[in-house]
Amino acid sequence: MIRRYYGAKCLRKELSLSRATTELKRVMKKQKYHQSFVAGWYDELFSKRYRLLRKLLKYRMYYLALAVDVAIDKVKGLTWR
């Protein structure tokens, strides 16, 4: 959800990072996604990017998770048009 929706919108400048963080917090709380970030048994299945994002979200560092995602996309040269 971060990479495909919020990260892409921030990269295209449709949402600011602070607004995206607020919306992400609301969705995470409403849908109770926090419970899925506690289990780490499936970390080997994902790339380092997703492991990092999952760990940041586990400690509820939403802004940093979004900022890291956007920074990685900028370094890779993704535009999400």
N, C-alpha and C. Protein backbone atom coordinates (compact mmCIF):
# COMPACT_ATOMS: atom_id res chain seq x y z
N MET A 1 0.82 -1.18 0.00
CA MET A 1 0.00 0.00 0.00
C MET A 1 0.88 1.26 0.00
N ILE A 2 1.96 1.21 0.74
CA ILE A 2 2.84 2.38 0.78
C ILE A 2 3.49 2.60 -0.58
N ARG A 3 4.06 1.54 -1.13
CA ARG A 3 4.82 1.71 -2.37
C ARG A 3 3.91 2.03 -3.54
N ARG A 4 2.80 1.36 -3.67
CA ARG A 4 1.95 1.51 -4.85
C ARG A 4 1.01 2.70 -4.77
N TYR A 5 0.60 3.08 -3.57
CA TYR A 5 -0.39 4.16 -3.47
C TYR A 5 0.21 5.44 -2.91
N TYR A 6 0.59 5.42 -1.65
CA TYR A 6 1.05 6.66 -1.01
C TYR A 6 2.40 7.12 -1.55
N GLY A 7 3.33 6.19 -1.73
CA GLY A 7 4.63 6.56 -2.28
C GLY A 7 4.52 7.14 -3.68
N ALA A 8 3.67 6.53 -4.50
CA ALA A 8 3.48 7.01 -5.87
C ALA A 8 2.84 8.39 -5.89
N LYS A 9 1.84 8.60 -5.03
CA LYS A 9 1.19 9.91 -4.98
C LYS A 9 2.15 11.00 -4.50
N CYS A 10 3.00 10.67 -3.55
CA CYS A 10 3.98 11.64 -3.06
C CYS A 10 5.01 11.95 -4.14
N LEU A 11 5.40 10.95 -4.88
CA LEU A 11 6.38 11.14 -5.95
C LEU A 11 5.82 12.01 -7.07
N ARG A 12 4.53 11.85 -7.37
CA ARG A 12 3.88 12.67 -8.40
C ARG A 12 3.42 14.03 -7.86
N LYS A 13 3.66 14.26 -6.58
CA LYS A 13 3.31 15.52 -5.90
C LYS A 13 1.80 15.74 -5.84
N GLU A 14 1.04 14.65 -5.77
CA GLU A 14 -0.40 14.74 -5.57
C GLU A 14 -0.74 14.84 -4.08
N LEU A 15 0.14 14.31 -3.25
CA LEU A 15 0.01 14.36 -1.80
C LEU A 15 1.34 14.78 -1.20
N SER A 16 1.29 15.54 -0.12
CA SER A 16 2.52 15.84 0.60
C SER A 16 2.83 14.66 1.52
N LEU A 17 4.07 14.58 1.98
CA LEU A 17 4.44 13.49 2.88
C LEU A 17 3.65 13.56 4.18
N SER A 18 3.43 14.75 4.69
CA SER A 18 2.70 14.87 5.96
C SER A 18 1.24 14.46 5.80
N ARG A 19 0.61 14.85 4.70
CA ARG A 19 -0.78 14.46 4.44
C ARG A 19 -0.90 12.95 4.22
N ALA A 20 0.06 12.39 3.49
CA ALA A 20 0.06 10.95 3.25
C ALA A 20 0.26 10.19 4.56
N THR A 21 1.11 10.72 5.43
CA THR A 21 1.34 10.09 6.73
C THR A 21 0.06 10.08 7.55
N THR A 22 -0.65 11.19 7.56
CA THR A 22 -1.91 11.27 8.29
C THR A 22 -2.92 10.27 7.77
N GLU A 23 -3.05 10.18 6.46
CA GLU A 23 -3.99 9.23 5.87
C GLU A 23 -3.57 7.79 6.15
N LEU A 24 -2.26 7.51 6.07
CA LEU A 24 -1.77 6.17 6.32
C LEU A 24 -2.03 5.75 7.77
N LYS A 25 -1.80 6.65 8.70
CA LYS A 25 -2.09 6.36 10.12
C LYS A 25 -3.55 6.00 10.31
N ARG A 26 -4.42 6.77 9.67
CA ARG A 26 -5.85 6.54 9.80
C ARG A 26 -6.25 5.18 9.25
N VAL A 27 -5.73 4.84 8.08
CA VAL A 27 -6.06 3.55 7.47
C VAL A 27 -5.52 2.40 8.30
N MET A 28 -4.27 2.52 8.77
CA MET A 28 -3.67 1.46 9.57
C MET A 28 -4.45 1.21 10.85
N LYS A 29 -4.90 2.28 11.47
CA LYS A 29 -5.65 2.14 12.72
C LYS A 29 -7.04 1.56 12.46
N LYS A 30 -7.69 2.03 11.41
CA LYS A 30 -9.05 1.59 11.10
C LYS A 30 -9.09 0.12 10.67
N GLN A 31 -8.14 -0.29 9.84
CA GLN A 31 -8.12 -1.66 9.32
C GLN A 31 -7.33 -2.63 10.20
N LYS A 32 -6.70 -2.13 11.27
CA LYS A 32 -5.93 -2.94 12.23
C LYS A 32 -4.79 -3.72 11.56
N TYR A 33 -4.02 -3.02 10.74
CA TYR A 33 -2.88 -3.65 10.07
C TYR A 33 -1.68 -3.84 10.99
N HIS A 34 -1.67 -3.17 12.15
CA HIS A 34 -0.52 -3.24 13.05
C HIS A 34 -0.21 -4.67 13.49
N GLN A 35 -1.22 -5.48 13.59
CA GLN A 35 -1.03 -6.86 14.05
C GLN A 35 -0.17 -7.66 13.08
N SER A 36 -0.23 -7.35 11.82
CA SER A 36 0.54 -8.12 10.84
C SER A 36 2.02 -7.75 10.82
N PHE A 37 2.39 -6.62 11.38
CA PHE A 37 3.80 -6.21 11.36
C PHE A 37 4.61 -6.83 12.49
N VAL A 38 3.94 -7.43 13.46
CA VAL A 38 4.64 -8.02 14.60
C VAL A 38 5.33 -9.32 14.22
N ALA A 39 4.67 -10.14 13.42
CA ALA A 39 5.25 -11.43 13.02
C ALA A 39 6.37 -11.21 12.02
N GLY A 40 7.53 -11.76 12.31
CA GLY A 40 8.68 -11.58 11.43
C GLY A 40 9.13 -12.87 10.76
N TRP A 41 8.33 -13.91 10.85
CA TRP A 41 8.73 -15.22 10.32
C TRP A 41 8.82 -15.23 8.80
N TYR A 42 8.16 -14.31 8.14
CA TYR A 42 8.16 -14.30 6.67
C TYR A 42 9.08 -13.25 6.08
N ASP A 43 9.97 -12.70 6.87
CA ASP A 43 10.88 -11.66 6.40
C ASP A 43 11.80 -12.14 5.27
N GLU A 44 12.18 -13.41 5.29
CA GLU A 44 13.09 -13.91 4.26
C GLU A 44 12.43 -13.95 2.89
N LEU A 45 11.11 -13.89 2.84
CA LEU A 45 10.39 -13.96 1.57
C LEU A 45 10.43 -12.65 0.78
N PHE A 46 10.70 -11.55 1.47
CA PHE A 46 10.61 -10.23 0.86
C PHE A 46 11.99 -9.63 0.64
N SER A 47 12.04 -8.61 -0.20
CA SER A 47 13.30 -7.90 -0.46
C SER A 47 13.65 -7.03 0.74
N LYS A 48 14.86 -6.49 0.72
CA LYS A 48 15.31 -5.66 1.83
C LYS A 48 14.46 -4.41 1.98
N ARG A 49 13.97 -3.89 0.87
CA ARG A 49 13.12 -2.70 0.91
C ARG A 49 11.87 -2.96 1.74
N TYR A 50 11.21 -4.08 1.48
CA TYR A 50 9.97 -4.39 2.20
C TYR A 50 10.23 -4.77 3.65
N ARG A 51 11.36 -5.41 3.90
CA ARG A 51 11.71 -5.72 5.29
C ARG A 51 11.91 -4.44 6.09
N LEU A 52 12.60 -3.48 5.48
CA LEU A 52 12.83 -2.19 6.15
C LEU A 52 11.51 -1.47 6.39
N LEU A 53 10.65 -1.42 5.38
CA LEU A 53 9.36 -0.75 5.54
C LEU A 53 8.52 -1.43 6.61
N ARG A 54 8.52 -2.75 6.65
CA ARG A 54 7.75 -3.47 7.65
C ARG A 54 8.25 -3.18 9.06
N LYS A 55 9.57 -3.11 9.22
CA LYS A 55 10.13 -2.82 10.54
C LYS A 55 9.82 -1.39 10.97
N LEU A 56 9.88 -0.45 10.04
CA LEU A 56 9.52 0.93 10.38
C LEU A 56 8.05 1.03 10.77
N LEU A 57 7.20 0.34 10.04
CA LEU A 57 5.78 0.37 10.35
C LEU A 57 5.46 -0.36 11.65
N LYS A 58 6.26 -1.36 11.97
CA LYS A 58 6.08 -2.07 13.24
C LYS A 58 6.23 -1.12 14.42
N TYR A 59 7.17 -0.19 14.31
CA TYR A 59 7.39 0.79 15.38
C TYR A 59 6.63 2.09 15.12
N ARG A 60 5.70 2.04 14.18
CA ARG A 60 4.80 3.15 13.85
C ARG A 60 5.54 4.41 13.41
N MET A 61 6.56 4.23 12.63
CA MET A 61 7.32 5.33 12.05
C MET A 61 6.83 5.57 10.63
N TYR A 62 5.62 6.07 10.51
CA TYR A 62 4.96 6.21 9.22
C TYR A 62 5.65 7.22 8.31
N TYR A 63 5.99 8.36 8.86
CA TYR A 63 6.62 9.41 8.05
C TYR A 63 7.96 8.92 7.49
N LEU A 64 8.75 8.29 8.34
CA LEU A 64 10.05 7.79 7.91
C LEU A 64 9.89 6.69 6.87
N ALA A 65 8.90 5.83 7.04
CA ALA A 65 8.65 4.76 6.06
C ALA A 65 8.29 5.35 4.69
N LEU A 66 7.43 6.35 4.68
CA LEU A 66 7.07 7.00 3.42
C LEU A 66 8.26 7.74 2.81
N ALA A 67 9.04 8.42 3.65
CA ALA A 67 10.20 9.16 3.15
C ALA A 67 11.24 8.20 2.55
N VAL A 68 11.46 7.07 3.19
CA VAL A 68 12.40 6.07 2.67
C VAL A 68 11.90 5.52 1.35
N ASP A 69 10.61 5.22 1.27
CA ASP A 69 10.03 4.68 0.04
C ASP A 69 10.17 5.67 -1.12
N VAL A 70 9.86 6.92 -0.87
CA VAL A 70 9.97 7.94 -1.92
C VAL A 70 11.44 8.14 -2.31
N ALA A 71 12.34 8.13 -1.34
CA ALA A 71 13.76 8.30 -1.64
C ALA A 71 14.30 7.14 -2.50
N ILE A 72 13.89 5.92 -2.18
CA ILE A 72 14.33 4.76 -2.97
C ILE A 72 13.80 4.87 -4.40
N ASP A 73 12.54 5.29 -4.54
CA ASP A 73 11.98 5.46 -5.88
C ASP A 73 12.71 6.53 -6.67
N LYS A 74 13.10 7.62 -6.01
CA LYS A 74 13.84 8.68 -6.69
C LYS A 74 15.22 8.20 -7.13
N VAL A 75 15.89 7.43 -6.28
CA VAL A 75 17.21 6.90 -6.61
C VAL A 75 17.11 5.94 -7.79
N LYS A 76 16.06 5.11 -7.79
CA LYS A 76 15.88 4.15 -8.89
C LYS A 76 15.38 4.81 -10.16
N GLY A 77 14.86 6.03 -10.05
CA GLY A 77 14.39 6.75 -11.21
C GLY A 77 12.95 6.42 -11.61
N LEU A 78 12.16 5.92 -10.68
CA LEU A 78 10.75 5.62 -10.97
C LEU A 78 9.93 6.90 -11.00
N THR A 79 8.97 6.97 -11.89
CA THR A 79 8.16 8.18 -12.00
C THR A 79 6.70 7.94 -11.64
N TRP A 80 6.18 6.71 -11.75
CA TRP A 80 4.79 6.38 -11.42
C TRP A 80 3.80 7.26 -12.15
N ARG A 81 3.89 7.32 -13.43
CA ARG A 81 2.96 8.16 -14.21
C ARG A 81 1.65 7.49 -14.44
